[in-house]
């Protein structure tokens, strides 16, 4: 009888207490890390945050980190009503990032058009080692030991096109972003036309590029399957060059 009491009464209570303690520990550690991130950003001229520190909620379910308004990093401005990050930062589990009300990516003073998404969704696998520091030596070690993050699923909704994909993202040996995203794009003509316009491509060259995409498209549903990649800072969508990523300079 005593063993049954321990099994069905005491053990569940202990498990609940341990879960609550673990959730509280996560909250305290993550809240401290977010406060440090905000404090460090005030001393970094390349970073600007448009709101206070992100908020943590979700108990007793999976933690949810919510941030509003947006930020600017190295001249790239990202604004949104709300972004949420849901999940436990436990290796090999999944974390979900959502911008349910859309987001806008712009490049002030560059002359480039902004990209406005009506909705964005990303699920990624937490790597076995998590990096929270931007110190150069810490980044070097992470790139050497881990190097990439698995993208389980991503969806980008735009008024003119829709993209769905999966792949990997990481850092190159020069500590610059790398990406390989196996993607399916609906209304790809609009998507490709925007990229070609950004590159100043028109006339015959533009027609040829679009013809190549038409030849690769699925005639049944009008979609196209392309690998979107970033390598050596070059962004490519299938056969089309789409520009360069800005150089990231890590803290030394």
C-alpha atoms as a PDB file:
ATOM      1  CA  UNK A   1       0.000   0.000   0.000  1.00  0.00           C
ATOM      2  CA  UNK A   2       2.830   2.342   0.875  1.00  0.00           C
ATOM      3  CA  UNK A   3       4.532   1.683  -2.469  1.00  0.00           C
ATOM      4  CA  UNK A   4       1.318   2.487  -4.311  1.00  0.00           C
ATOM      5  CA  UNK A   5       1.024   5.720  -2.334  1.00  0.00           C
ATOM      6  CA  UNK A   6       4.576   6.680  -3.277  1.00  0.00           C
ATOM      7  CA  UNK A   7       3.984   5.780  -6.925  1.00  0.00           C
ATOM      8  CA  UNK A   8       0.633   7.501  -7.503  1.00  0.00           C
ATOM      9  CA  UNK A   9       0.808  10.452  -5.089  1.00  0.00           C
ATOM     10  CA  UNK A  10       4.322  11.409  -4.027  1.00  0.00           C
ATOM     11  CA  UNK A  11       6.049  10.763  -7.365  1.00  0.00           C
ATOM     12  CA  UNK A  12       3.692  12.977  -9.432  1.00  0.00           C
ATOM     13  CA  UNK A  13       4.028  15.761  -6.870  1.00  0.00           C
ATOM     14  CA  UNK A  14       7.813  15.536  -7.036  1.00  0.00           C
ATOM     15  CA  UNK A  15       7.728  15.625 -10.829  1.00  0.00           C
ATOM     16  CA  UNK A  16       5.535  18.734 -10.802  1.00  0.00           C
ATOM     17  CA  UNK A  17       7.877  20.440  -8.324  1.00  0.00           C
ATOM     18  CA  UNK A  18      10.920  19.566 -10.455  1.00  0.00           C
ATOM     19  CA  UNK A  19       9.201  20.840 -13.610  1.00  0.00           C
ATOM     20  CA  UNK A  20       8.248  24.132 -11.939  1.00  0.00           C
ATOM     21  CA  UNK A  21      11.771  24.540 -10.574  1.00  0.00           C
ATOM     22  CA  UNK A  22      13.257  23.874 -14.014  1.00  0.00           C
ATOM     23  CA  UNK A  23      10.888  26.369 -15.641  1.00  0.00           C
ATOM     24  CA  UNK A  24      11.796  28.997 -13.040  1.00  0.00           C
ATOM     25  CA  UNK A  25      15.511  28.353 -13.576  1.00  0.00           C
ATOM     26  CA  UNK A  26      15.046  28.748 -17.328  1.00  0.00           C
ATOM     27  CA  UNK A  27      13.126  31.992 -16.784  1.00  0.00           C
ATOM     28  CA  UNK A  28      15.796  33.493 -14.530  1.00  0.00           C
ATOM     29  CA  UNK A  29      18.698  32.517 -16.794  1.00  0.00           C
ATOM     30  CA  UNK A  30      16.992  33.596 -20.003  1.00  0.00           C
ATOM     31  CA  UNK A  31      15.752  36.856 -18.507  1.00  0.00           C
ATOM     32  CA  UNK A  32      19.300  37.638 -17.374  1.00  0.00           C
ATOM     33  CA  UNK A  33      20.664  36.836 -20.853  1.00  0.00           C
ATOM     34  CA  UNK A  34      18.063  39.056 -22.546  1.00  0.00           C
ATOM     35  CA  UNK A  35      18.803  41.948 -20.199  1.00  0.00           C
ATOM     36  CA  UNK A  36      22.519  41.598 -20.957  1.00  0.00           C
ATOM     37  CA  UNK A  37      21.759  41.566 -24.684  1.00  0.00           C
ATOM     38  CA  UNK A  38      19.842  44.832 -24.396  1.00  0.00           C
ATOM     39  CA  UNK A  39      22.572  46.400 -22.250  1.00  0.00           C
ATOM     40  CA  UNK A  40      25.309  45.363 -24.711  1.00  0.00           C
ATOM     41  CA  UNK A  41      23.331  46.709 -27.671  1.00  0.00           C
ATOM     42  CA  UNK A  42      23.417  50.201 -26.146  1.00  0.00           C
ATOM     43  CA  UNK A  43      27.214  50.163 -26.450  1.00  0.00           C
ATOM     44  CA  UNK A  44      27.234  48.787 -29.998  1.00  0.00           C
ATOM     45  CA  UNK A  45      26.676  51.446 -32.704  1.00  0.00           C
ATOM     46  CA  UNK A  46      25.810  48.772 -35.282  1.00  0.00           C
ATOM     47  CA  UNK A  47      22.803  47.534 -33.254  1.00  0.00           C
ATOM     48  CA  UNK A  48      19.610  49.404 -32.411  1.00  0.00           C
ATOM     49  CA  UNK A  49      16.625  47.924 -30.564  1.00  0.00           C
ATOM     50  CA  UNK A  50      13.249  49.635 -30.895  1.00  0.00           C
ATOM     51  CA  UNK A  51      11.658  48.154 -27.775  1.00  0.00           C
ATOM     52  CA  UNK A  52      12.620  47.130 -24.258  1.00  0.00           C
ATOM     53  CA  UNK A  53      13.874  43.639 -23.429  1.00  0.00           C
ATOM     54  CA  UNK A  54      11.810  40.736 -24.820  1.00  0.00           C
ATOM     55  CA  UNK A  55       9.171  39.279 -22.498  1.00  0.00           C
ATOM     56  CA  UNK A  56       9.025  35.629 -21.358  1.00  0.00           C
ATOM     57  CA  UNK A  57       5.690  33.882 -20.778  1.00  0.00           C
ATOM     58  CA  UNK A  58       3.962  30.542 -21.378  1.00  0.00           C
ATOM     59  CA  UNK A  59       4.061  28.779 -18.006  1.00  0.00           C
ATOM     60  CA  UNK A  60       3.159  25.962 -17.443  1.00  0.00           C
ATOM     61  CA  UNK A  61       3.529  25.147 -21.160  1.00  0.00           C
ATOM     62  CA  UNK A  62       6.644  25.681 -23.291  1.00  0.00           C
ATOM     63  CA  UNK A  63       8.253  29.111 -22.764  1.00  0.00           C
ATOM     64  CA  UNK A  64       7.402  31.882 -25.222  1.00  0.00           C
ATOM     65  CA  UNK A  65       9.741  34.831 -25.809  1.00  0.00           C
ATOM     66  CA  UNK A  66       7.911  37.817 -27.325  1.00  0.00           C
ATOM     67  CA  UNK A  67       9.477  40.905 -28.855  1.00  0.00           C
ATOM     68  CA  UNK A  68       7.754  43.839 -30.545  1.00  0.00           C
ATOM     69  CA  UNK A  69       8.592  46.805 -32.800  1.00  0.00           C
ATOM     70  CA  UNK A  70      11.888  45.568 -34.257  1.00  0.00           C
ATOM     71  CA  UNK A  71      15.626  46.172 -34.490  1.00  0.00           C
ATOM     72  CA  UNK A  72      18.418  47.259 -36.841  1.00  0.00           C
ATOM     73  CA  UNK A  73      21.730  45.394 -37.230  1.00  0.00           C
ATOM     74  CA  UNK A  74      24.555  46.525 -39.517  1.00  0.00           C
ATOM     75  CA  UNK A  75      22.223  48.715 -41.557  1.00  0.00           C
ATOM     76  CA  UNK A  76      19.508  46.070 -42.014  1.00  0.00           C
ATOM     77  CA  UNK A  77      16.246  47.225 -40.427  1.00  0.00           C
ATOM     78  CA  UNK A  78      13.626  44.642 -39.415  1.00  0.00           C
ATOM     79  CA  UNK A  79      10.294  45.879 -38.059  1.00  0.00           C
ATOM     80  CA  UNK A  80       7.213  43.924 -36.998  1.00  0.00           C
ATOM     81  CA  UNK A  81       4.193  44.129 -34.684  1.00  0.00           C
ATOM     82  CA  UNK A  82       5.311  40.972 -32.865  1.00  0.00           C
ATOM     83  CA  UNK A  83       7.723  38.057 -33.079  1.00  0.00           C
ATOM     84  CA  UNK A  84       7.491  34.996 -30.825  1.00  0.00           C
ATOM     85  CA  UNK A  85      10.025  32.243 -30.110  1.00  0.00           C
ATOM     86  CA  UNK A  86       8.460  29.128 -28.598  1.00  0.00           C
ATOM     87  CA  UNK A  87      10.243  26.093 -27.171  1.00  0.00           C
ATOM     88  CA  UNK A  88      12.868  24.915 -24.731  1.00  0.00           C
ATOM     89  CA  UNK A  89      16.521  25.568 -25.703  1.00  0.00           C
ATOM     90  CA  UNK A  90      17.325  21.882 -25.210  1.00  0.00           C
ATOM     91  CA  UNK A  91      19.674  20.252 -27.753  1.00  0.00           C
ATOM     92  CA  UNK A  92      17.933  18.356 -30.576  1.00  0.00           C
ATOM     93  CA  UNK A  93      14.478  19.696 -29.707  1.00  0.00           C
ATOM     94  CA  UNK A  94      12.581  22.096 -31.977  1.00  0.00           C
ATOM     95  CA  UNK A  95      12.141  25.850 -31.519  1.00  0.00           C
ATOM     96  CA  UNK A  96       9.442  27.713 -33.428  1.00  0.00           C
ATOM     97  CA  UNK A  97       9.780  31.353 -34.527  1.00  0.00           C
ATOM     98  CA  UNK A  98       6.691  33.191 -35.781  1.00  0.00           C
ATOM     99  CA  UNK A  99       5.864  36.643 -37.102  1.00  0.00           C
ATOM    100  CA  UNK A 100       2.086  36.101 -37.331  1.00  0.00           C
ATOM    101  CA  UNK A 101       1.332  39.707 -38.265  1.00  0.00           C
ATOM    102  CA  UNK A 102       4.132  40.001 -40.779  1.00  0.00           C
ATOM    103  CA  UNK A 103       7.434  41.836 -40.862  1.00  0.00           C
ATOM    104  CA  UNK A 104       9.265  44.363 -43.007  1.00  0.00           C
ATOM    105  CA  UNK A 105      12.955  44.158 -43.981  1.00  0.00           C
ATOM    106  CA  UNK A 106      14.495  47.364 -45.288  1.00  0.00           C
ATOM    107  CA  UNK A 107      17.932  48.796 -46.032  1.00  0.00           C
ATOM    108  CA  UNK A 108      17.958  52.494 -45.054  1.00  0.00           C
ATOM    109  CA  UNK A 109      20.198  54.729 -47.183  1.00  0.00           C
ATOM    110  CA  UNK A 110      20.956  51.881 -49.616  1.00  0.00           C
ATOM    111  CA  UNK A 111      18.397  52.670 -52.294  1.00  0.00           C
ATOM    112  CA  UNK A 112      17.127  49.085 -52.230  1.00  0.00           C
ATOM    113  CA  UNK A 113      13.441  48.257 -51.957  1.00  0.00           C
ATOM    114  CA  UNK A 114      12.112  46.876 -48.697  1.00  0.00           C
ATOM    115  CA  UNK A 115      10.661  43.368 -48.429  1.00  0.00           C
ATOM    116  CA  UNK A 116       7.290  43.154 -46.710  1.00  0.00           C
ATOM    117  CA  UNK A 117       6.069  39.731 -45.590  1.00  0.00           C
ATOM    118  CA  UNK A 118       2.485  39.213 -44.465  1.00  0.00           C
ATOM    119  CA  UNK A 119       3.497  36.201 -42.367  1.00  0.00           C
ATOM    120  CA  UNK A 120       6.704  34.331 -41.502  1.00  0.00           C
ATOM    121  CA  UNK A 121       7.225  30.996 -39.780  1.00  0.00           C
ATOM    122  CA  UNK A 122      10.394  29.033 -38.969  1.00  0.00           C
ATOM    123  CA  UNK A 123      11.004  25.755 -37.115  1.00  0.00           C
ATOM    124  CA  UNK A 124      14.605  24.850 -36.373  1.00  0.00           C
ATOM    125  CA  UNK A 125      16.391  22.150 -34.417  1.00  0.00           C
ATOM    126  CA  UNK A 126      18.394  23.318 -31.416  1.00  0.00           C
ATOM    127  CA  UNK A 127      22.062  22.319 -31.981  1.00  0.00           C
ATOM    128  CA  UNK A 128      23.914  20.302 -29.368  1.00  0.00           C
ATOM    129  CA  UNK A 129      25.829  23.418 -28.351  1.00  0.00           C
ATOM    130  CA  UNK A 130      24.130  26.823 -28.049  1.00  0.00           C
ATOM    131  CA  UNK A 131      26.055  30.075 -28.439  1.00  0.00           C
ATOM    132  CA  UNK A 132      24.804  33.292 -26.827  1.00  0.00           C
ATOM    133  CA  UNK A 133      28.016  35.307 -26.949  1.00  0.00           C
ATOM    134  CA  UNK A 134      29.128  37.527 -29.849  1.00  0.00           C
ATOM    135  CA  UNK A 135      32.773  37.383 -28.781  1.00  0.00           C
ATOM    136  CA  UNK A 136      35.017  36.500 -31.719  1.00  0.00           C
ATOM    137  CA  UNK A 137      36.781  33.604 -29.963  1.00  0.00           C
ATOM    138  CA  UNK A 138      33.478  32.096 -28.782  1.00  0.00           C
ATOM    139  CA  UNK A 139      32.097  32.320 -32.332  1.00  0.00           C
ATOM    140  CA  UNK A 140      35.232  30.660 -33.737  1.00  0.00           C
ATOM    141  CA  UNK A 141      34.827  27.741 -31.316  1.00  0.00           C
ATOM    142  CA  UNK A 142      31.117  27.359 -32.124  1.00  0.00           C
ATOM    143  CA  UNK A 143      31.790  27.417 -35.867  1.00  0.00           C
ATOM    144  CA  UNK A 144      34.521  24.799 -35.470  1.00  0.00           C
ATOM    145  CA  UNK A 145      32.575  22.491 -33.147  1.00  0.00           C
ATOM    146  CA  UNK A 146      28.994  22.940 -34.437  1.00  0.00           C
ATOM    147  CA  UNK A 147      28.880  25.270 -37.406  1.00  0.00           C
ATOM    148  CA  UNK A 148      25.268  24.903 -38.517  1.00  0.00           C
ATOM    149  CA  UNK A 149      21.632  24.763 -37.471  1.00  0.00           C
ATOM    150  CA  UNK A 150      19.060  22.494 -39.091  1.00  0.00           C
ATOM    151  CA  UNK A 151      15.994  24.264 -40.510  1.00  0.00           C
ATOM    152  CA  UNK A 152      13.098  21.825 -40.209  1.00  0.00           C
ATOM    153  CA  UNK A 153      10.539  24.015 -41.960  1.00  0.00           C
ATOM    154  CA  UNK A 154      10.095  27.615 -43.037  1.00  0.00           C
ATOM    155  CA  UNK A 155       7.216  29.486 -44.669  1.00  0.00           C
ATOM    156  CA  UNK A 156       7.291  33.032 -46.013  1.00  0.00           C
ATOM    157  CA  UNK A 157       4.069  34.677 -47.158  1.00  0.00           C
ATOM    158  CA  UNK A 158       4.191  37.722 -49.403  1.00  0.00           C
ATOM    159  CA  UNK A 159       1.364  39.467 -51.209  1.00  0.00           C
ATOM    160  CA  UNK A 160       2.851  38.314 -54.528  1.00  0.00           C
ATOM    161  CA  UNK A 161       4.482  34.949 -53.734  1.00  0.00           C
ATOM    162  CA  UNK A 162       4.734  32.097 -51.214  1.00  0.00           C
ATOM    163  CA  UNK A 163       7.881  30.177 -50.225  1.00  0.00           C
ATOM    164  CA  UNK A 164       8.210  26.953 -48.254  1.00  0.00           C
ATOM    165  CA  UNK A 165      11.473  25.169 -47.554  1.00  0.00           C
ATOM    166  CA  UNK A 166      13.899  23.287 -45.339  1.00  0.00           C
ATOM    167  CA  UNK A 167      17.682  23.061 -45.065  1.00  0.00           C
ATOM    168  CA  UNK A 168      20.600  24.262 -42.962  1.00  0.00           C
ATOM    169  CA  UNK A 169      22.021  27.624 -41.877  1.00  0.00           C
ATOM    170  CA  UNK A 170      25.398  28.295 -40.329  1.00  0.00           C
ATOM    171  CA  UNK A 171      28.688  30.150 -40.453  1.00  0.00           C
ATOM    172  CA  UNK A 172      31.533  29.798 -42.928  1.00  0.00           C
ATOM    173  CA  UNK A 173      35.206  29.532 -41.986  1.00  0.00           C
ATOM    174  CA  UNK A 174      35.307  33.337 -42.317  1.00  0.00           C
ATOM    175  CA  UNK A 175      32.420  33.526 -39.790  1.00  0.00           C
ATOM    176  CA  UNK A 176      29.977  34.842 -42.376  1.00  0.00           C
ATOM    177  CA  UNK A 177      26.417  33.503 -42.839  1.00  0.00           C
ATOM    178  CA  UNK A 178      25.867  30.421 -44.986  1.00  0.00           C
ATOM    179  CA  UNK A 179      22.533  28.951 -46.044  1.00  0.00           C
ATOM    180  CA  UNK A 180      21.197  26.094 -48.136  1.00  0.00           C
ATOM    181  CA  UNK A 181      17.408  26.099 -48.320  1.00  0.00           C
ATOM    182  CA  UNK A 182      15.570  23.589 -50.510  1.00  0.00           C
ATOM    183  CA  UNK A 183      12.526  25.642 -51.466  1.00  0.00           C
ATOM    184  CA  UNK A 184       9.233  25.475 -53.281  1.00  0.00           C
ATOM    185  CA  UNK A 185       8.030  28.856 -54.562  1.00  0.00           C
ATOM    186  CA  UNK A 186       4.537  29.736 -55.742  1.00  0.00           C
ATOM    187  CA  UNK A 187       4.149  32.701 -58.123  1.00  0.00           C
ATOM    188  CA  UNK A 188       7.881  32.511 -58.702  1.00  0.00           C
ATOM    189  CA  UNK A 189       7.688  34.950 -61.630  1.00  0.00           C
ATOM    190  CA  UNK A 190       6.911  37.762 -59.206  1.00  0.00           C
ATOM    191  CA  UNK A 191       9.614  36.544 -56.821  1.00  0.00           C
ATOM    192  CA  UNK A 192      12.238  36.295 -59.567  1.00  0.00           C
ATOM    193  CA  UNK A 193      11.172  39.574 -61.171  1.00  0.00           C
ATOM    194  CA  UNK A 194      11.750  41.379 -57.891  1.00  0.00           C
ATOM    195  CA  UNK A 195      15.251  39.918 -57.567  1.00  0.00           C
ATOM    196  CA  UNK A 196      16.150  40.770 -61.163  1.00  0.00           C
ATOM    197  CA  UNK A 197      14.894  44.310 -60.674  1.00  0.00           C
ATOM    198  CA  UNK A 198      17.082  44.648 -57.565  1.00  0.00           C
ATOM    199  CA  UNK A 199      20.087  43.626 -59.676  1.00  0.00           C
ATOM    200  CA  UNK A 200      19.229  46.150 -62.382  1.00  0.00           C
ATOM    201  CA  UNK A 201      18.682  43.368 -64.915  1.00  0.00           C
ATOM    202  CA  UNK A 202      16.340  44.208 -67.779  1.00  0.00           C
ATOM    203  CA  UNK A 203      15.727  43.528 -71.457  1.00  0.00           C
ATOM    204  CA  UNK A 204      17.232  40.405 -72.983  1.00  0.00           C
ATOM    205  CA  UNK A 205      19.104  39.285 -69.853  1.00  0.00           C
ATOM    206  CA  UNK A 206      15.938  39.510 -67.756  1.00  0.00           C
ATOM    207  CA  UNK A 207      13.924  37.562 -70.347  1.00  0.00           C
ATOM    208  CA  UNK A 208      16.569  34.838 -70.508  1.00  0.00           C
ATOM    209  CA  UNK A 209      16.655  34.447 -66.717  1.00  0.00           C
ATOM    210  CA  UNK A 210      12.874  34.176 -66.528  1.00  0.00           C
ATOM    211  CA  UNK A 211      12.877  31.679 -69.418  1.00  0.00           C
ATOM    212  CA  UNK A 212      15.304  29.464 -67.500  1.00  0.00           C
ATOM    213  CA  UNK A 213      12.969  29.539 -64.505  1.00  0.00           C
ATOM    214  CA  UNK A 214       9.949  28.776 -66.678  1.00  0.00           C
ATOM    215  CA  UNK A 215      11.750  25.736 -68.062  1.00  0.00           C
ATOM    216  CA  UNK A 216      12.406  24.478 -64.511  1.00  0.00           C
ATOM    217  CA  UNK A 217       8.875  25.066 -63.230  1.00  0.00           C
ATOM    218  CA  UNK A 218       6.226  22.469 -62.464  1.00  0.00           C
ATOM    219  CA  UNK A 219       3.658  22.887 -65.249  1.00  0.00           C
ATOM    220  CA  UNK A 220       0.893  21.317 -63.134  1.00  0.00           C
ATOM    221  CA  UNK A 221       0.770  23.846 -60.333  1.00  0.00           C
ATOM    222  CA  UNK A 222       3.009  26.673 -61.574  1.00  0.00           C
ATOM    223  CA  UNK A 223       5.545  26.300 -58.764  1.00  0.00           C
ATOM    224  CA  UNK A 224       9.304  25.972 -58.996  1.00  0.00           C
ATOM    225  CA  UNK A 225      11.734  24.060 -56.770  1.00  0.00           C
ATOM    226  CA  UNK A 226      14.931  26.007 -56.164  1.00  0.00           C
ATOM    227  CA  UNK A 227      17.844  25.907 -53.753  1.00  0.00           C
ATOM    228  CA  UNK A 228      18.265  29.291 -52.086  1.00  0.00           C
ATOM    229  CA  UNK A 229      21.867  29.600 -50.983  1.00  0.00           C
ATOM    230  CA  UNK A 230      24.272  31.993 -49.316  1.00  0.00           C
ATOM    231  CA  UNK A 231      27.943  31.184 -49.844  1.00  0.00           C
ATOM    232  CA  UNK A 232      30.932  33.533 -49.826  1.00  0.00           C
ATOM    233  CA  UNK A 233      28.333  36.232 -49.047  1.00  0.00           C
ATOM    234  CA  UNK A 234      26.642  35.670 -52.427  1.00  0.00           C
ATOM    235  CA  UNK A 235      22.877  35.087 -52.355  1.00  0.00           C
ATOM    236  CA  UNK A 236      21.505  32.869 -55.119  1.00  0.00           C
ATOM    237  CA  UNK A 237      17.976  31.718 -55.886  1.00  0.00           C
ATOM    238  CA  UNK A 238      18.400  28.745 -58.198  1.00  0.00           C
ATOM    239  CA  UNK A 239      20.477  30.047 -61.114  1.00  0.00           C
ATOM    240  CA  UNK A 240      19.840  33.721 -60.332  1.00  0.00           C
ATOM    241  CA  UNK A 241      22.326  35.894 -58.422  1.00  0.00           C
ATOM    242  CA  UNK A 242      20.369  37.928 -55.852  1.00  0.00           C
ATOM    243  CA  UNK A 243      23.013  40.112 -54.186  1.00  0.00           C
ATOM    244  CA  UNK A 244      25.421  39.996 -51.261  1.00  0.00           C
ATOM    245  CA  UNK A 245      24.992  39.831 -47.511  1.00  0.00           C
ATOM    246  CA  UNK A 246      26.603  42.581 -45.415  1.00  0.00           C
ATOM    247  CA  UNK A 247      29.844  41.681 -43.664  1.00  0.00           C
ATOM    248  CA  UNK A 248      29.452  40.726 -40.007  1.00  0.00           C
ATOM    249  CA  UNK A 249      32.185  41.984 -37.686  1.00  0.00           C
ATOM    250  CA  UNK A 250      32.349  40.059 -34.404  1.00  0.00           C
ATOM    251  CA  UNK A 251      33.425  41.533 -31.061  1.00  0.00           C
ATOM    252  CA  UNK A 252      37.144  41.165 -30.380  1.00  0.00           C
END
